[in-house]
Amino acid sequence: MSDLQKEVSELERRSATAARLFDIRRIIGGLFVVYGVIVTLAGISPSDADLAKAEGVHINLWTGLAMLTLGLFFLAWMKLRPAQAPAAPAPEAEGPEEGPGSGA
């Protein structure tokens, strides 16, 4: 394998790693899990005033559990369907080069 081919394969590997690292599902899932834990902990033992405002519904508990579920869904989705590296553009067919000034 030539040096150029080794360099190209190394760049493709790095591109795939970067695509997985900056997957938006990881960021969204992580934030929802963190905020879901915080809101769930706040909803475990609400004060009487909080329950009165929510008409007796443990709204923080239910919202926190929903956020946790959504965050875990995003993280599971990321794990089950990892991001693919963008495909390299196909080489164009060789032909006459056309510049911005050519043509009718």
C-alpha atoms as a PDB file:
ATOM      1  CA  MET A   1       0.000   0.000   0.000  1.00  0.00           C
ATOM      2  CA  SER A   2       1.430   3.374  -0.938  1.00  0.00           C
ATOM      3  CA  ASP A   3       1.871   6.235   1.466  1.00  0.00           C
ATOM      4  CA  LEU A   4      -0.972   8.131  -0.181  1.00  0.00           C
ATOM      5  CA  GLN A   5      -3.374   5.227   0.308  1.00  0.00           C
ATOM      6  CA  LYS A   6      -2.324   4.885   3.953  1.00  0.00           C
ATOM      7  CA  GLU A   7      -2.867   8.591   4.502  1.00  0.00           C
ATOM      8  CA  VAL A   8      -6.305   8.479   2.864  1.00  0.00           C
ATOM      9  CA  SER A   9      -7.385   5.487   4.948  1.00  0.00           C
ATOM     10  CA  GLU A  10      -6.139   7.228   8.116  1.00  0.00           C
ATOM     11  CA  LEU A  11      -8.133  10.367   7.228  1.00  0.00           C
ATOM     12  CA  GLU A  12     -11.245   8.254   6.559  1.00  0.00           C
ATOM     13  CA  ARG A  13     -10.857   6.572   9.960  1.00  0.00           C
ATOM     14  CA  ARG A  14     -10.502   9.955  11.664  1.00  0.00           C
ATOM     15  CA  SER A  15     -13.556  11.255   9.814  1.00  0.00           C
ATOM     16  CA  ALA A  16     -15.627   8.301  11.012  1.00  0.00           C
ATOM     17  CA  THR A  17     -14.433   8.855  14.572  1.00  0.00           C
ATOM     18  CA  ALA A  18     -15.311  12.554  14.405  1.00  0.00           C
ATOM     19  CA  ALA A  19     -18.754  11.755  12.986  1.00  0.00           C
ATOM     20  CA  ARG A  20     -19.482   9.455  15.921  1.00  0.00           C
ATOM     21  CA  LEU A  21     -17.986  11.827  18.475  1.00  0.00           C
ATOM     22  CA  PHE A  22     -20.075  14.829  17.447  1.00  0.00           C
ATOM     23  CA  ASP A  23     -23.308  12.944  16.880  1.00  0.00           C
ATOM     24  CA  ILE A  24     -26.138  15.274  17.920  1.00  0.00           C
ATOM     25  CA  ARG A  25     -28.018  12.341  19.454  1.00  0.00           C
ATOM     26  CA  ARG A  26     -25.283  12.026  22.085  1.00  0.00           C
ATOM     27  CA  ILE A  27     -25.616  15.689  23.074  1.00  0.00           C
ATOM     28  CA  ILE A  28     -29.422  15.686  23.153  1.00  0.00           C
ATOM     29  CA  GLY A  29     -29.624  12.341  24.959  1.00  0.00           C
ATOM     30  CA  GLY A  30     -27.018  13.332  27.529  1.00  0.00           C
ATOM     31  CA  LEU A  31     -28.712  16.637  28.310  1.00  0.00           C
ATOM     32  CA  PHE A  32     -32.135  15.039  28.648  1.00  0.00           C
ATOM     33  CA  VAL A  33     -30.750  12.363  30.985  1.00  0.00           C
ATOM     34  CA  VAL A  34     -28.984  14.935  33.186  1.00  0.00           C
ATOM     35  CA  TYR A  35     -31.985  17.265  33.366  1.00  0.00           C
ATOM     36  CA  GLY A  36     -34.330  14.285  33.785  1.00  0.00           C
ATOM     37  CA  VAL A  37     -32.402  13.119  36.844  1.00  0.00           C
ATOM     38  CA  ILE A  38     -32.500  16.627  38.343  1.00  0.00           C
ATOM     39  CA  VAL A  39     -36.228  17.112  37.728  1.00  0.00           C
ATOM     40  CA  THR A  40     -37.055  13.574  38.921  1.00  0.00           C
ATOM     41  CA  LEU A  41     -35.159  14.136  42.156  1.00  0.00           C
ATOM     42  CA  ALA A  42     -37.019  17.420  42.638  1.00  0.00           C
ATOM     43  CA  GLY A  43     -40.320  15.632  42.039  1.00  0.00           C
ATOM     44  CA  ILE A  44     -39.781  12.757  44.454  1.00  0.00           C
ATOM     45  CA  SER A  45     -40.755  14.766  47.519  1.00  0.00           C
ATOM     46  CA  PRO A  46     -42.658  17.890  46.462  1.00  0.00           C
ATOM     47  CA  SER A  47     -43.857  20.445  48.967  1.00  0.00           C
ATOM     48  CA  ASP A  48     -47.552  20.961  49.645  1.00  0.00           C
ATOM     49  CA  ALA A  49     -47.374  24.314  47.850  1.00  0.00           C
ATOM     50  CA  ASP A  50     -45.933  22.666  44.734  1.00  0.00           C
ATOM     51  CA  LEU A  51     -48.683  20.039  44.747  1.00  0.00           C
ATOM     52  CA  ALA A  52     -51.335  22.723  45.212  1.00  0.00           C
ATOM     53  CA  LYS A  53     -49.978  24.667  42.212  1.00  0.00           C
ATOM     54  CA  ALA A  54     -50.105  21.513  40.079  1.00  0.00           C
ATOM     55  CA  GLU A  55     -53.579  20.552  41.333  1.00  0.00           C
ATOM     56  CA  GLY A  56     -52.284  17.447  43.099  1.00  0.00           C
ATOM     57  CA  VAL A  57     -50.283  16.072  40.162  1.00  0.00           C
ATOM     58  CA  HIS A  58     -46.635  15.185  40.743  1.00  0.00           C
ATOM     59  CA  ILE A  59     -45.703  17.131  37.612  1.00  0.00           C
ATOM     60  CA  ASN A  60     -41.949  17.259  38.298  1.00  0.00           C
ATOM     61  CA  LEU A  61     -41.817  13.515  38.832  1.00  0.00           C
ATOM     62  CA  TRP A  62     -43.694  12.722  35.624  1.00  0.00           C
ATOM     63  CA  THR A  63     -41.801  15.291  33.582  1.00  0.00           C
ATOM     64  CA  GLY A  64     -38.464  14.039  34.931  1.00  0.00           C
ATOM     65  CA  LEU A  65     -39.327  10.446  34.106  1.00  0.00           C
ATOM     66  CA  ALA A  66     -40.404  11.470  30.590  1.00  0.00           C
ATOM     67  CA  MET A  67     -37.123  13.372  30.115  1.00  0.00           C
ATOM     68  CA  LEU A  68     -35.141  10.364  31.340  1.00  0.00           C
ATOM     69  CA  THR A  69     -37.016   8.090  28.938  1.00  0.00           C
ATOM     70  CA  LEU A  70     -36.427  10.423  26.000  1.00  0.00           C
ATOM     71  CA  GLY A  71     -32.735  10.818  26.840  1.00  0.00           C
ATOM     72  CA  LEU A  72     -32.244   7.070  27.149  1.00  0.00           C
ATOM     73  CA  PHE A  73     -34.077   6.613  23.845  1.00  0.00           C
ATOM     74  CA  PHE A  74     -31.640   8.960  22.091  1.00  0.00           C
ATOM     75  CA  LEU A  75     -28.622   7.223  23.631  1.00  0.00           C
ATOM     76  CA  ALA A  76     -29.960   3.766  22.711  1.00  0.00           C
ATOM     77  CA  TRP A  77     -30.685   4.987  19.166  1.00  0.00           C
ATOM     78  CA  MET A  78     -27.120   6.248  18.890  1.00  0.00           C
ATOM     79  CA  LYS A  79     -25.765   2.910  20.146  1.00  0.00           C
ATOM     80  CA  LEU A  80     -27.951   0.765  17.881  1.00  0.00           C
ATOM     81  CA  ARG A  81     -27.558   2.890  14.730  1.00  0.00           C
ATOM     82  CA  PRO A  82     -24.103   4.509  14.843  1.00  0.00           C
ATOM     83  CA  ALA A  83     -23.399   7.457  12.578  1.00  0.00           C
ATOM     84  CA  GLN A  84     -21.793   6.674   9.259  1.00  0.00           C
ATOM     85  CA  ALA A  85     -18.886   8.714   8.012  1.00  0.00           C
ATOM     86  CA  PRO A  86     -19.800  10.877   5.041  1.00  0.00           C
ATOM     87  CA  ALA A  87     -19.049   9.145   1.768  1.00  0.00           C
ATOM     88  CA  ALA A  88     -16.195  10.498  -0.281  1.00  0.00           C
ATOM     89  CA  PRO A  89     -17.342  12.262  -3.451  1.00  0.00           C
ATOM     90  CA  ALA A  90     -17.132  10.140  -6.578  1.00  0.00           C
ATOM     91  CA  PRO A  91     -14.385  11.188  -8.951  1.00  0.00           C
ATOM     92  CA  GLU A  92     -15.803  13.107 -11.867  1.00  0.00           C
ATOM     93  CA  ALA A  93     -15.409  11.811 -15.384  1.00  0.00           C
ATOM     94  CA  GLU A  94     -12.489  13.375 -17.151  1.00  0.00           C
ATOM     95  CA  GLY A  95     -13.523  15.834 -19.780  1.00  0.00           C
ATOM     96  CA  PRO A  96     -12.903  19.389 -20.910  1.00  0.00           C
ATOM     97  CA  GLU A  97     -12.595  21.717 -17.974  1.00  0.00           C
ATOM     98  CA  GLU A  98     -15.165  24.437 -17.853  1.00  0.00           C
ATOM     99  CA  GLY A  99     -14.435  27.597 -16.000  1.00  0.00           C
ATOM    100  CA  PRO A 100     -16.785  30.350 -14.868  1.00  0.00           C
ATOM    101  CA  GLY A 101     -16.161  32.330 -18.069  1.00  0.00           C
ATOM    102  CA  SER A 102     -16.792  29.505 -20.527  1.00  0.00           C
ATOM    103  CA  GLY A 103     -20.135  28.707 -22.081  1.00  0.00           C
ATOM    104  CA  ALA A 104     -22.782  30.735 -23.842  1.00  0.00           C
END
